[in-house]
N, C-alpha and C. Protein backbone atom coordinates (compact mmCIF):
# COMPACT_ATOMS: atom_id res chain seq x y z
N TYR A 1 16.39 15.21 -7.00
CA TYR A 1 15.49 16.84 -7.61
C TYR A 1 14.51 15.69 -8.32
N THR A 2 13.37 16.19 -8.16
CA THR A 2 11.92 15.71 -9.13
C THR A 2 11.44 16.66 -9.89
N VAL A 3 11.24 16.73 -11.11
CA VAL A 3 11.23 17.37 -12.21
C VAL A 3 9.70 17.22 -12.55
N TRP A 4 9.51 18.14 -13.26
CA TRP A 4 8.15 18.08 -14.28
C TRP A 4 7.86 18.66 -15.41
N ASP A 5 9.12 19.62 -15.80
CA ASP A 5 8.62 19.98 -17.03
C ASP A 5 10.55 20.77 -17.22
N ILE A 6 10.92 21.07 -18.79
CA ILE A 6 12.39 21.59 -19.04
C ILE A 6 12.18 22.70 -20.03
N ILE A 7 12.72 23.90 -19.99
CA ILE A 7 13.06 24.72 -20.85
C ILE A 7 14.15 25.39 -21.14
N SER A 8 14.33 25.97 -22.33
CA SER A 8 15.94 26.08 -22.43
C SER A 8 16.33 27.59 -21.59
N HIS A 9 17.77 27.89 -21.55
CA HIS A 9 17.68 29.24 -20.72
C HIS A 9 17.32 30.59 -21.97
N GLU A 10 17.00 30.14 -23.16
CA GLU A 10 16.56 31.24 -23.82
C GLU A 10 14.92 31.54 -23.31
N GLU A 11 14.59 30.69 -23.76
CA GLU A 11 13.13 30.61 -23.11
C GLU A 11 12.49 31.10 -21.60
N TYR A 12 13.75 30.75 -20.73
CA TYR A 12 13.45 31.36 -19.16
C TYR A 12 13.86 32.62 -19.53
N GLU A 13 14.41 33.36 -20.41
CA GLU A 13 15.10 34.87 -20.53
C GLU A 13 14.16 35.57 -21.02
N ASP A 14 13.09 34.85 -22.02
CA ASP A 14 12.02 35.28 -22.50
C ASP A 14 10.37 35.44 -21.38
N MET A 15 10.82 34.36 -20.41
CA MET A 15 9.78 34.30 -19.92
C MET A 15 8.54 33.41 -20.45
N LYS A 16 8.77 32.60 -21.49
CA LYS A 16 7.80 32.08 -22.38
C LYS A 16 8.24 30.89 -23.32
N SER A 17 7.59 29.77 -23.60
CA SER A 17 7.99 28.74 -24.36
C SER A 17 6.71 28.50 -24.92
N SER A 18 6.96 28.31 -26.81
CA SER A 18 5.47 27.84 -27.69
C SER A 18 5.54 26.39 -27.59
N ILE A 19 6.44 25.70 -27.25
CA ILE A 19 6.56 24.21 -27.43
C ILE A 19 5.37 23.80 -26.61
N PRO A 20 4.33 22.72 -27.06
CA PRO A 20 3.89 21.85 -26.04
C PRO A 20 4.02 21.38 -25.39
N TYR A 21 3.13 20.95 -23.98
CA TYR A 21 3.69 20.49 -22.70
C TYR A 21 4.44 18.93 -22.98
N THR A 22 3.71 18.18 -23.92
CA THR A 22 3.86 16.84 -24.40
C THR A 22 5.55 16.76 -24.91
N LEU A 23 5.84 17.63 -25.89
CA LEU A 23 7.13 17.61 -26.36
C LEU A 23 8.37 18.17 -25.16
N ARG A 24 7.62 19.22 -24.51
CA ARG A 24 8.93 19.28 -23.29
C ARG A 24 8.87 18.38 -22.30
N LEU A 25 7.79 17.56 -22.00
CA LEU A 25 7.49 16.33 -21.03
C LEU A 25 8.84 15.31 -22.08
N LYS A 26 8.58 15.09 -23.43
CA LYS A 26 9.30 13.93 -23.84
C LYS A 26 10.85 14.49 -24.13
N SER A 27 11.02 15.69 -24.24
CA SER A 27 12.62 16.44 -24.49
C SER A 27 13.30 16.11 -22.89
N MET A 28 12.63 16.62 -21.82
CA MET A 28 13.09 16.19 -20.48
C MET A 28 13.23 14.83 -20.16
N ARG A 29 12.64 13.77 -20.38
CA ARG A 29 12.86 12.51 -20.26
C ARG A 29 13.88 11.88 -21.00
N GLU A 30 14.34 12.33 -22.14
CA GLU A 30 15.34 12.10 -22.71
C GLU A 30 16.51 12.53 -22.34
N TYR A 31 16.22 13.89 -22.05
CA TYR A 31 17.48 14.78 -21.15
C TYR A 31 18.08 13.88 -20.14
N ILE A 32 17.03 13.42 -19.32
CA ILE A 32 17.41 13.06 -18.03
C ILE A 32 18.16 11.57 -18.39
N LYS A 33 17.43 10.56 -19.20
CA LYS A 33 18.20 9.41 -19.57
C LYS A 33 19.70 9.57 -20.63
N TYR A 34 19.84 10.35 -21.52
CA TYR A 34 20.95 10.23 -22.13
C TYR A 34 22.19 10.51 -21.01
N ASN A 35 21.97 12.06 -20.14
CA ASN A 35 23.00 12.05 -19.36
C ASN A 35 22.74 11.50 -18.14
N CYS A 36 22.30 10.46 -18.31
CA CYS A 36 22.47 9.37 -16.80
C CYS A 36 22.48 10.24 -15.71
N LEU A 37 21.21 10.54 -15.74
CA LEU A 37 20.92 11.74 -14.16
C LEU A 37 20.45 10.61 -13.42
N THR A 38 21.59 10.30 -12.08
CA THR A 38 20.69 9.83 -11.09
C THR A 38 20.17 10.39 -10.03
N MET A 39 20.43 11.69 -9.96
CA MET A 39 19.91 12.28 -9.07
C MET A 39 18.43 13.23 -9.40
N VAL A 40 17.99 12.89 -10.50
CA VAL A 40 17.26 14.14 -10.90
C VAL A 40 16.18 12.97 -11.65
N SER A 41 14.85 13.00 -10.95
CA SER A 41 13.76 11.93 -11.34
C SER A 41 12.48 12.92 -11.91
N GLU A 42 11.91 11.90 -12.92
CA GLU A 42 10.83 12.45 -13.60
C GLU A 42 9.40 12.63 -12.34
N VAL A 43 8.39 13.32 -12.33
CA VAL A 43 7.73 13.26 -11.25
C VAL A 43 6.64 12.38 -11.89
N GLU A 44 5.68 11.80 -11.13
CA GLU A 44 4.75 11.05 -11.20
C GLU A 44 4.06 11.54 -11.60
N TRP A 45 3.37 11.21 -13.10
CA TRP A 45 2.24 11.48 -13.83
C TRP A 45 1.56 10.68 -14.44
N LYS A 46 0.26 10.96 -15.01
CA LYS A 46 -0.75 9.99 -15.54
C LYS A 46 -1.80 10.36 -16.57
N ILE A 47 -2.04 10.08 -17.47
CA ILE A 47 -2.94 11.13 -18.53
C ILE A 47 -4.79 10.75 -18.17
N VAL A 48 -5.30 11.46 -17.74
CA VAL A 48 -6.55 11.63 -17.50
C VAL A 48 -7.48 11.94 -18.12
N ASP A 49 -8.70 11.67 -18.56
CA ASP A 49 -9.74 12.34 -19.16
C ASP A 49 -11.25 12.71 -18.96
N SER A 50 -10.84 12.49 -17.42
CA SER A 50 -12.36 12.98 -16.80
C SER A 50 -12.08 13.20 -15.24
N PHE A 51 -12.97 13.96 -14.51
CA PHE A 51 -13.19 14.48 -13.51
C PHE A 51 -12.62 13.46 -12.29
N LYS A 52 -13.40 12.59 -12.74
CA LYS A 52 -13.57 10.96 -11.68
C LYS A 52 -12.05 10.55 -11.73
N LEU A 53 -11.79 10.46 -12.67
CA LEU A 53 -10.25 9.67 -12.74
C LEU A 53 -9.31 10.57 -12.17
N ALA A 54 -9.17 12.15 -12.41
CA ALA A 54 -8.52 12.96 -11.94
C ALA A 54 -8.49 13.07 -9.93
N MET A 55 -10.05 12.70 -9.99
CA MET A 55 -10.01 12.59 -8.22
C MET A 55 -9.75 11.34 -7.72
N GLU A 56 -9.82 10.53 -8.34
CA GLU A 56 -9.12 9.06 -7.88
C GLU A 56 -7.63 8.94 -7.90
N HIS A 57 -6.80 10.01 -8.66
CA HIS A 57 -5.38 10.16 -8.78
C HIS A 57 -4.98 10.99 -7.46
N PHE A 58 -5.79 11.97 -7.60
CA PHE A 58 -5.41 13.06 -6.74
C PHE A 58 -5.83 12.41 -4.93
N GLN A 59 -6.38 11.27 -4.78
CA GLN A 59 -6.87 10.58 -3.65
C GLN A 59 -5.97 9.45 -3.63
N GLU A 60 -4.92 8.87 -4.38
CA GLU A 60 -3.78 8.24 -4.37
C GLU A 60 -2.83 8.76 -3.68
N ILE A 61 -2.41 9.69 -4.35
CA ILE A 61 -1.52 10.87 -3.97
C ILE A 61 -1.06 10.86 -2.68
N ALA A 62 -3.05 11.51 -2.18
CA ALA A 62 -3.28 12.14 -0.99
C ALA A 62 -2.63 10.94 0.36
N GLU A 63 -3.06 9.87 -0.14
CA GLU A 63 -3.04 8.70 1.11
C GLU A 63 -1.69 8.34 0.87
N ALA A 64 -1.07 8.57 -0.40
CA ALA A 64 0.75 8.30 -0.03
C ALA A 64 1.51 9.35 0.72
N GLY A 65 0.63 10.41 0.91
CA GLY A 65 1.55 11.34 1.89
C GLY A 65 1.59 12.77 1.43
N GLY A 66 1.50 12.93 -0.26
CA GLY A 66 1.53 13.90 -0.72
C GLY A 66 0.55 15.29 -0.47
N GLU A 67 0.94 16.26 -1.42
CA GLU A 67 -0.38 17.22 -1.02
C GLU A 67 -1.18 17.37 -2.07
N GLY A 68 -1.07 16.77 -3.25
CA GLY A 68 -2.04 17.20 -3.97
C GLY A 68 -1.49 16.70 -5.48
N THR A 69 -2.57 17.08 -6.79
CA THR A 69 -1.85 17.35 -7.84
C THR A 69 -2.41 18.27 -8.55
N VAL A 70 -1.28 18.61 -10.05
CA VAL A 70 -1.68 19.49 -10.70
C VAL A 70 -2.08 18.74 -11.99
N ILE A 71 -3.35 19.58 -12.59
CA ILE A 71 -4.05 19.47 -13.77
C ILE A 71 -2.97 20.24 -14.81
N LYS A 72 -2.67 19.36 -15.92
CA LYS A 72 -2.27 20.55 -16.97
C LYS A 72 -2.77 19.52 -18.32
N THR A 73 -2.99 20.73 -19.45
CA THR A 73 -3.43 20.24 -20.53
C THR A 73 -2.13 19.49 -21.64
N LEU A 74 -2.04 18.99 -22.29
CA LEU A 74 -1.16 18.41 -22.65
C LEU A 74 -0.91 19.40 -23.79
N ASN A 75 -1.39 20.23 -24.38
CA ASN A 75 -0.65 21.06 -25.66
C ASN A 75 -0.45 22.62 -24.87
N GLY A 76 -0.75 22.28 -23.29
CA GLY A 76 -0.09 23.82 -23.21
C GLY A 76 1.20 24.13 -23.15
N THR A 77 1.61 25.69 -23.91
CA THR A 77 3.03 26.11 -23.48
C THR A 77 3.24 26.62 -22.17
N TRP A 78 4.29 27.20 -22.27
CA TRP A 78 4.93 27.64 -20.85
C TRP A 78 5.01 29.18 -20.68
N LYS A 79 4.42 30.09 -19.53
CA LYS A 79 5.07 31.17 -19.19
C LYS A 79 5.36 31.47 -18.12
N LYS A 80 6.01 32.41 -17.37
CA LYS A 80 6.15 32.66 -16.20
C LYS A 80 4.46 32.92 -15.54
N GLY A 81 4.37 32.72 -14.20
CA GLY A 81 3.48 33.09 -13.63
C GLY A 81 2.79 32.05 -13.51
N LYS A 82 1.16 31.69 -13.30
CA LYS A 82 -0.08 31.08 -13.70
C LYS A 82 -0.65 30.95 -14.77
N PRO A 83 -0.60 30.21 -15.32
CA PRO A 83 -1.28 30.35 -16.83
C PRO A 83 -2.56 29.06 -16.61
N LYS A 84 -3.65 29.77 -17.53
CA LYS A 84 -4.85 29.21 -16.89
C LYS A 84 -5.20 27.76 -17.58
N TRP A 85 -4.06 27.55 -18.31
CA TRP A 85 -4.51 25.70 -18.81
C TRP A 85 -3.74 25.03 -17.65
N GLN A 86 -3.32 25.32 -16.74
CA GLN A 86 -3.23 24.42 -15.50
C GLN A 86 -3.57 24.56 -14.19
N MET A 87 -3.91 23.90 -13.55
CA MET A 87 -4.37 24.32 -12.33
C MET A 87 -4.11 23.35 -11.23
N LYS A 88 -3.67 23.70 -9.67
CA LYS A 88 -3.26 22.89 -8.60
C LYS A 88 -5.31 22.08 -8.23
N MET A 89 -5.20 20.71 -8.41
CA MET A 89 -6.23 20.34 -7.41
C MET A 89 -6.08 20.10 -6.43
N LYS A 90 -7.50 20.35 -5.49
CA LYS A 90 -7.25 20.27 -4.09
C LYS A 90 -8.97 19.81 -3.65
N LYS A 91 -8.45 18.96 -2.84
CA LYS A 91 -10.06 18.68 -2.07
C LYS A 91 -10.60 18.77 -0.83
N GLU A 92 -11.37 19.33 -0.72
CA GLU A 92 -11.46 19.78 0.64
C GLU A 92 -13.04 19.24 1.19
N ASP A 93 -12.85 18.68 2.33
CA ASP A 93 -13.78 17.97 2.97
C ASP A 93 -13.82 18.64 4.52
N TYR A 94 -15.07 18.83 4.77
CA TYR A 94 -15.64 19.50 6.02
C TYR A 94 -16.26 18.63 7.12
N HIS A 95 -16.18 18.27 8.18
CA HIS A 95 -16.73 17.18 8.91
C HIS A 95 -16.39 17.79 10.77
N ASP A 96 -17.84 17.07 11.45
CA ASP A 96 -17.90 17.52 12.55
C ASP A 96 -17.49 16.45 14.00
N LEU A 97 -16.69 16.67 14.40
CA LEU A 97 -16.39 15.43 14.92
C LEU A 97 -16.01 15.99 16.57
N LYS A 98 -16.31 14.89 17.52
CA LYS A 98 -16.35 15.16 18.72
C LYS A 98 -14.66 14.78 19.20
N ILE A 99 -15.05 15.98 20.45
CA ILE A 99 -13.34 16.10 20.89
C ILE A 99 -12.75 14.92 22.24
N VAL A 100 -12.40 13.83 21.93
CA VAL A 100 -11.99 12.94 23.26
C VAL A 100 -10.66 13.05 23.78
N GLY A 101 -10.18 13.95 23.12
CA GLY A 101 -8.83 13.89 24.04
C GLY A 101 -7.99 15.24 23.49
N PHE A 102 -6.74 15.49 24.03
CA PHE A 102 -5.88 17.04 23.88
C PHE A 102 -4.71 16.70 24.18
N ASN A 103 -3.54 17.15 23.17
CA ASN A 103 -2.48 16.91 23.15
C ASN A 103 -1.67 18.47 23.10
N TYR A 104 -0.89 18.36 24.39
CA TYR A 104 -0.04 19.65 24.37
C TYR A 104 1.52 19.62 23.29
N GLY A 105 1.67 20.51 23.02
CA GLY A 105 2.92 20.69 21.96
C GLY A 105 4.08 19.94 22.10
N THR A 106 5.09 19.91 21.46
CA THR A 106 6.35 19.00 21.79
C THR A 106 7.12 19.96 22.41
N SER A 107 8.19 19.05 23.46
CA SER A 107 8.60 19.11 24.81
C SER A 107 9.66 20.02 23.89
N GLY A 108 10.23 21.66 24.70
CA GLY A 108 11.19 22.06 23.78
C GLY A 108 10.94 23.09 22.69
N THR A 109 9.47 23.06 22.52
CA THR A 109 8.88 24.03 21.32
C THR A 109 7.91 25.20 22.26
N LYS A 110 7.60 26.28 21.64
CA LYS A 110 6.98 27.24 21.92
C LYS A 110 5.83 26.73 22.44
N ASN A 111 5.39 25.62 21.77
CA ASN A 111 3.64 25.01 22.36
C ASN A 111 3.96 23.75 23.48
N GLU A 112 5.14 23.88 23.91
CA GLU A 112 4.91 22.93 25.17
C GLU A 112 3.85 22.98 26.21
N HIS A 113 3.81 24.06 26.48
CA HIS A 113 2.73 24.21 27.97
C HIS A 113 1.22 24.57 27.25
N VAL A 114 1.11 24.55 25.82
CA VAL A 114 -0.76 24.57 25.29
C VAL A 114 -0.61 23.58 24.77
N ILE A 115 -2.14 23.24 24.63
CA ILE A 115 -2.76 22.50 23.80
C ILE A 115 -2.73 22.67 22.45
N SER A 116 -2.03 21.70 21.34
CA SER A 116 -1.45 22.15 19.87
C SER A 116 -2.18 21.25 18.89
N SER A 117 -2.96 20.01 19.40
CA SER A 117 -3.82 19.53 18.45
C SER A 117 -4.58 18.56 19.33
N LEU A 118 -6.02 18.07 18.89
CA LEU A 118 -6.95 17.60 19.43
C LEU A 118 -6.78 15.98 19.13
N ASP A 119 -7.74 15.33 19.81
CA ASP A 119 -7.83 13.55 19.71
C ASP A 119 -9.45 13.88 18.89
N VAL A 120 -10.24 13.73 17.92
CA VAL A 120 -11.42 13.73 18.00
C VAL A 120 -11.87 12.15 17.03
N GLU A 121 -13.14 11.92 16.98
CA GLU A 121 -13.93 10.61 16.41
C GLU A 121 -15.11 11.34 16.35
N THR A 122 -16.01 10.10 15.26
CA THR A 122 -17.06 10.33 14.82
C THR A 122 -18.18 9.39 15.77
N SER A 123 -19.27 10.27 15.88
CA SER A 123 -20.11 10.02 16.71
C SER A 123 -20.47 7.90 16.96
N ASP A 124 -20.15 7.68 16.38
CA ASP A 124 -20.02 5.98 16.39
C ASP A 124 -18.50 5.52 16.80
N GLY A 125 -17.59 6.51 16.94
CA GLY A 125 -15.93 6.14 17.21
C GLY A 125 -15.31 5.00 16.41
N MET A 126 -15.79 5.24 14.69
CA MET A 126 -15.24 4.43 13.80
C MET A 126 -14.07 5.18 12.99
N LEU A 127 -14.23 6.36 13.56
CA LEU A 127 -13.22 7.18 12.69
C LEU A 127 -12.47 8.03 13.83
N ARG A 128 -11.26 7.98 13.61
CA ARG A 128 -10.60 8.88 14.73
C ARG A 128 -9.59 9.75 13.85
N THR A 129 -9.08 10.85 14.19
CA THR A 129 -7.73 11.46 13.46
C THR A 129 -7.69 12.70 14.75
N SER A 130 -6.59 13.01 14.51
CA SER A 130 -6.00 14.29 15.57
C SER A 130 -5.73 15.46 14.44
N PRO A 131 -6.77 16.54 14.40
CA PRO A 131 -6.29 17.71 13.52
C PRO A 131 -5.17 18.52 14.26
N GLY A 132 -4.14 19.46 13.69
CA GLY A 132 -3.59 20.52 14.00
C GLY A 132 -3.90 21.96 13.37
N GLY A 133 -2.85 22.65 13.19
CA GLY A 133 -3.41 23.75 12.64
C GLY A 133 -4.17 25.13 13.49
N ILE A 134 -4.10 24.84 15.10
CA ILE A 134 -4.66 25.43 15.93
C ILE A 134 -4.12 27.02 16.04
N SER A 135 -4.79 28.15 16.02
CA SER A 135 -4.24 29.16 15.99
C SER A 135 -3.86 29.33 17.65
N GLU A 136 -2.64 30.39 17.83
CA GLU A 136 -2.61 30.59 19.02
C GLU A 136 -3.65 31.10 20.03
N SER A 137 -4.34 32.10 19.56
CA SER A 137 -5.44 32.15 20.47
C SER A 137 -6.74 31.15 20.84
N ASP A 138 -6.76 29.92 19.91
CA ASP A 138 -7.17 28.68 20.21
C ASP A 138 -7.01 27.98 21.05
N MET A 139 -5.34 27.76 20.62
CA MET A 139 -4.71 26.86 21.59
C MET A 139 -4.89 27.30 23.59
N LYS A 140 -4.76 28.73 23.34
CA LYS A 140 -4.97 29.31 24.95
C LYS A 140 -6.66 29.13 25.60
N TYR A 141 -7.30 29.25 24.78
CA TYR A 141 -8.81 28.99 24.91
C TYR A 141 -8.94 27.29 25.30
N ILE A 142 -8.45 26.74 24.25
CA ILE A 142 -8.72 25.09 24.84
C ILE A 142 -7.97 24.65 25.88
N THR A 143 -6.86 24.95 25.98
CA THR A 143 -6.15 24.71 27.14
C THR A 143 -6.53 25.00 28.23
N GLU A 144 -7.18 26.36 28.03
CA GLU A 144 -7.63 27.00 30.14
C GLU A 144 -9.13 26.34 30.29
N ASN A 145 -9.41 25.63 28.63
CA ASN A 145 -11.16 25.11 29.37
C ASN A 145 -11.46 23.53 28.61
N GLN A 146 -10.02 22.82 28.72
CA GLN A 146 -10.08 21.48 28.47
C GLN A 146 -11.33 20.83 28.89
N GLU A 147 -11.62 20.85 30.59
CA GLU A 147 -12.50 19.90 30.71
C GLU A 147 -14.12 20.27 30.42
N ALA A 148 -14.41 21.48 30.12
CA ALA A 148 -15.47 22.23 29.57
C ALA A 148 -15.58 21.56 28.01
N LEU A 149 -14.53 21.85 27.34
CA LEU A 149 -14.81 21.57 26.04
C LEU A 149 -14.49 19.82 26.04
N LEU A 150 -14.29 18.60 26.35
CA LEU A 150 -14.15 17.40 26.25
C LEU A 150 -15.59 17.19 25.88
N GLY A 151 -15.60 16.24 24.84
CA GLY A 151 -17.15 15.63 24.18
C GLY A 151 -17.88 16.99 23.29
N SER A 152 -17.23 18.23 23.17
CA SER A 152 -17.56 19.18 22.16
C SER A 152 -17.25 18.52 21.01
N ILE A 153 -18.33 19.56 19.94
CA ILE A 153 -17.77 18.99 18.74
C ILE A 153 -17.29 20.20 17.91
N VAL A 154 -16.21 19.77 17.18
CA VAL A 154 -15.49 20.96 16.12
C VAL A 154 -15.25 20.40 15.08
N GLU A 155 -15.21 21.64 13.90
CA GLU A 155 -15.20 21.88 12.65
C GLU A 155 -13.71 20.89 11.85
N VAL A 156 -13.88 20.13 11.35
CA VAL A 156 -12.25 19.86 10.83
C VAL A 156 -12.69 19.71 9.22
N LYS A 157 -11.19 20.60 8.80
CA LYS A 157 -10.96 20.14 7.25
C LYS A 157 -10.32 19.43 6.73
N CYS A 158 -10.02 18.90 5.87
CA CYS A 158 -9.32 17.42 5.43
C CYS A 158 -8.99 17.40 3.69
N SER A 159 -8.40 16.64 3.46
CA SER A 159 -8.62 16.44 1.91
C SER A 159 -9.25 15.00 1.75
N GLY A 160 -9.86 14.60 2.59
CA GLY A 160 -10.31 13.60 2.23
C GLY A 160 -10.65 12.14 3.73
N LEU A 161 -10.84 10.86 2.81
CA LEU A 161 -10.64 10.31 4.26
C LEU A 161 -9.70 9.21 3.61
N SER A 162 -9.26 8.19 4.45
CA SER A 162 -8.20 7.18 4.35
C SER A 162 -8.45 5.97 5.26
N GLN A 163 -7.98 4.99 4.79
CA GLN A 163 -8.26 3.41 5.32
C GLN A 163 -7.24 2.62 5.47
N ASN A 164 -6.73 1.97 6.61
CA ASN A 164 -5.42 1.35 6.48
C ASN A 164 -5.60 -0.13 6.60
N LYS A 165 -5.01 -0.75 6.60
CA LYS A 165 -4.87 -2.20 6.25
C LYS A 165 -6.00 -2.98 7.38
N HIS A 166 -6.09 -2.41 8.55
CA HIS A 166 -7.20 -3.06 9.26
C HIS A 166 -8.74 -2.47 9.42
N GLY A 167 -8.62 -1.69 8.15
CA GLY A 167 -10.02 -1.00 7.83
C GLY A 167 -10.44 0.01 8.88
N GLU A 168 -9.70 0.38 9.62
CA GLU A 168 -9.64 1.62 10.14
C GLU A 168 -9.56 3.07 9.71
N TYR A 169 -10.56 3.75 9.73
CA TYR A 169 -10.48 5.13 8.96
C TYR A 169 -10.06 6.52 9.74
N ALA A 170 -9.62 7.46 8.75
CA ALA A 170 -9.16 8.77 9.63
C ALA A 170 -9.56 9.88 8.17
N LEU A 171 -8.68 10.86 8.79
CA LEU A 171 -9.14 12.12 7.63
C LEU A 171 -7.41 12.14 7.07
N LEU A 172 -7.50 12.79 6.13
CA LEU A 172 -6.33 13.09 5.26
C LEU A 172 -5.82 14.59 5.48
N HIS A 173 -4.38 14.72 6.51
CA HIS A 173 -4.24 16.05 6.64
C HIS A 173 -5.45 16.87 7.05
N PRO A 174 -6.00 16.65 8.40
CA PRO A 174 -6.89 17.56 8.76
C PRO A 174 -6.24 18.53 9.63
N VAL A 175 -7.36 19.35 9.28
CA VAL A 175 -6.65 20.61 10.26
C VAL A 175 -8.06 21.34 10.64
N PHE A 176 -7.70 21.70 12.20
CA PHE A 176 -8.90 22.46 12.52
C PHE A 176 -9.45 23.76 12.28
N ILE A 177 -10.56 23.52 12.34
CA ILE A 177 -10.93 25.25 11.90
C ILE A 177 -11.73 25.58 12.78
N LYS A 178 -12.90 25.14 13.43
CA LYS A 178 -13.48 25.95 14.76
C LYS A 178 -13.97 24.78 15.66
N ILE A 179 -14.58 25.31 16.88
CA ILE A 179 -15.86 24.82 17.75
C ILE A 179 -16.92 25.19 17.11
N ARG A 180 -17.61 24.04 17.36
CA ARG A 180 -18.99 24.12 16.89
C ARG A 180 -20.07 23.91 18.02
N ASP A 181 -20.06 25.51 18.35
CA ASP A 181 -21.13 25.31 19.83
C ASP A 181 -22.41 25.77 19.78
N ASP A 182 -22.64 25.03 17.86
CA ASP A 182 -24.02 25.44 17.96
C ASP A 182 -24.40 23.82 17.35
N LYS A 183 -23.79 22.78 17.63
CA LYS A 183 -23.73 21.46 17.47
C LYS A 183 -23.53 20.53 18.81
N ASN A 184 -24.06 19.60 19.06
CA ASN A 184 -23.81 18.72 20.41
C ASN A 184 -23.87 17.39 19.69
N ILE A 185 -24.01 17.07 18.64
CA ILE A 185 -23.75 15.75 17.95
C ILE A 185 -22.76 15.65 16.64
N ALA A 186 -21.99 14.89 16.58
CA ALA A 186 -20.96 14.86 15.53
C ALA A 186 -21.47 14.32 14.09
N ASN A 187 -20.76 13.83 13.24
CA ASN A 187 -21.07 12.87 12.28
C ASN A 187 -20.57 11.61 12.37
N SER A 188 -21.34 10.68 11.68
CA SER A 188 -21.12 9.40 11.90
C SER A 188 -20.29 8.83 10.98
N LEU A 189 -19.69 8.24 10.92
CA LEU A 189 -18.75 7.45 9.79
C LEU A 189 -19.33 7.54 8.29
N ASN A 190 -20.61 6.74 8.80
CA ASN A 190 -21.29 7.02 7.04
C ASN A 190 -21.55 8.53 6.87
N GLU A 191 -21.90 9.32 7.44
CA GLU A 191 -22.28 10.47 7.08
C GLU A 191 -20.57 11.06 6.76
N CYS A 192 -19.55 10.79 7.15
CA CYS A 192 -18.47 11.40 6.80
C CYS A 192 -18.05 10.77 5.34
N LEU A 193 -18.65 9.33 5.02
CA LEU A 193 -18.14 8.60 3.92
C LEU A 193 -19.02 9.11 2.54
N ALA A 194 -20.29 9.46 3.16
CA ALA A 194 -21.24 10.19 1.73
C ALA A 194 -20.94 11.72 1.90
N ILE A 195 -20.19 12.18 2.75
CA ILE A 195 -19.58 14.37 2.17
C ILE A 195 -18.44 13.37 1.20
N ASN A 196 -17.69 12.84 1.66
CA ASN A 196 -16.41 12.48 0.53
C ASN A 196 -17.09 11.67 -0.54
N LYS A 197 -17.64 11.24 -0.51
CA LYS A 197 -18.03 10.79 -2.06
C LYS A 197 -18.76 11.86 -2.57
N MET A 198 -19.82 12.79 -2.04
CA MET A 198 -20.56 13.99 -2.85
C MET A 198 -19.05 14.82 -3.34
N ILE A 199 -18.03 15.18 -2.24
CA ILE A 199 -17.03 16.30 -3.05
C ILE A 199 -16.47 15.76 -3.95
N SER A 200 -16.39 14.30 -3.82
CA SER A 200 -15.60 13.56 -5.36
C SER A 200 -16.00 13.79 -6.49
N GLU A 201 -17.53 13.56 -6.63
CA GLU A 201 -18.29 13.46 -7.48
C GLU A 201 -18.71 14.87 -8.30
N LEU A 202 -18.53 15.93 -7.50
CA LEU A 202 -19.00 17.22 -7.84
C LEU A 202 -17.98 17.61 -9.45
N ASN A 203 -18.64 17.92 -10.31
CA ASN A 203 -18.09 18.14 -11.86
C ASN A 203 -18.22 19.47 -12.03
């Protein structure tokens, strides 16, 4: 188990705790250490004091395959539900990319005979990715119109850009949004990098 908080049974029954998060975090760490818990670990965390640092940490987690981060105030109490002193951090970039290939679903699944993901790239071919998340109606339409759609532009949502050790770019957690029949030119890599930078610096 990976854990990020600890409360007493009484606090759980009351559905609230007045103990600040810093003290709960310390108590959790001491509990794990004192009881030599080998199957329980503390969640990765760091203290940030700016939006920029929070976004950099989010990017690190996303590139490692994680979904994102949760920002919490250090003196926050606990209550059942979604308290206003903590929030899930998400980053959403939108890019227009060109279809260069089609992928059928995995053999043996309900989508094995329909296109379930696309191969797309920037106008200069410097960024390639394969967004999924296509609805059943869109999968049917794409499957029946592959020849006509090859080279078309699609809008893709992602959690930012990543770069491997070879310098090749891709999108983090890419998801198909829609076919852009109003456009015929995809974003270039530089345009995608500019969009990513702009979103990262929003405050």
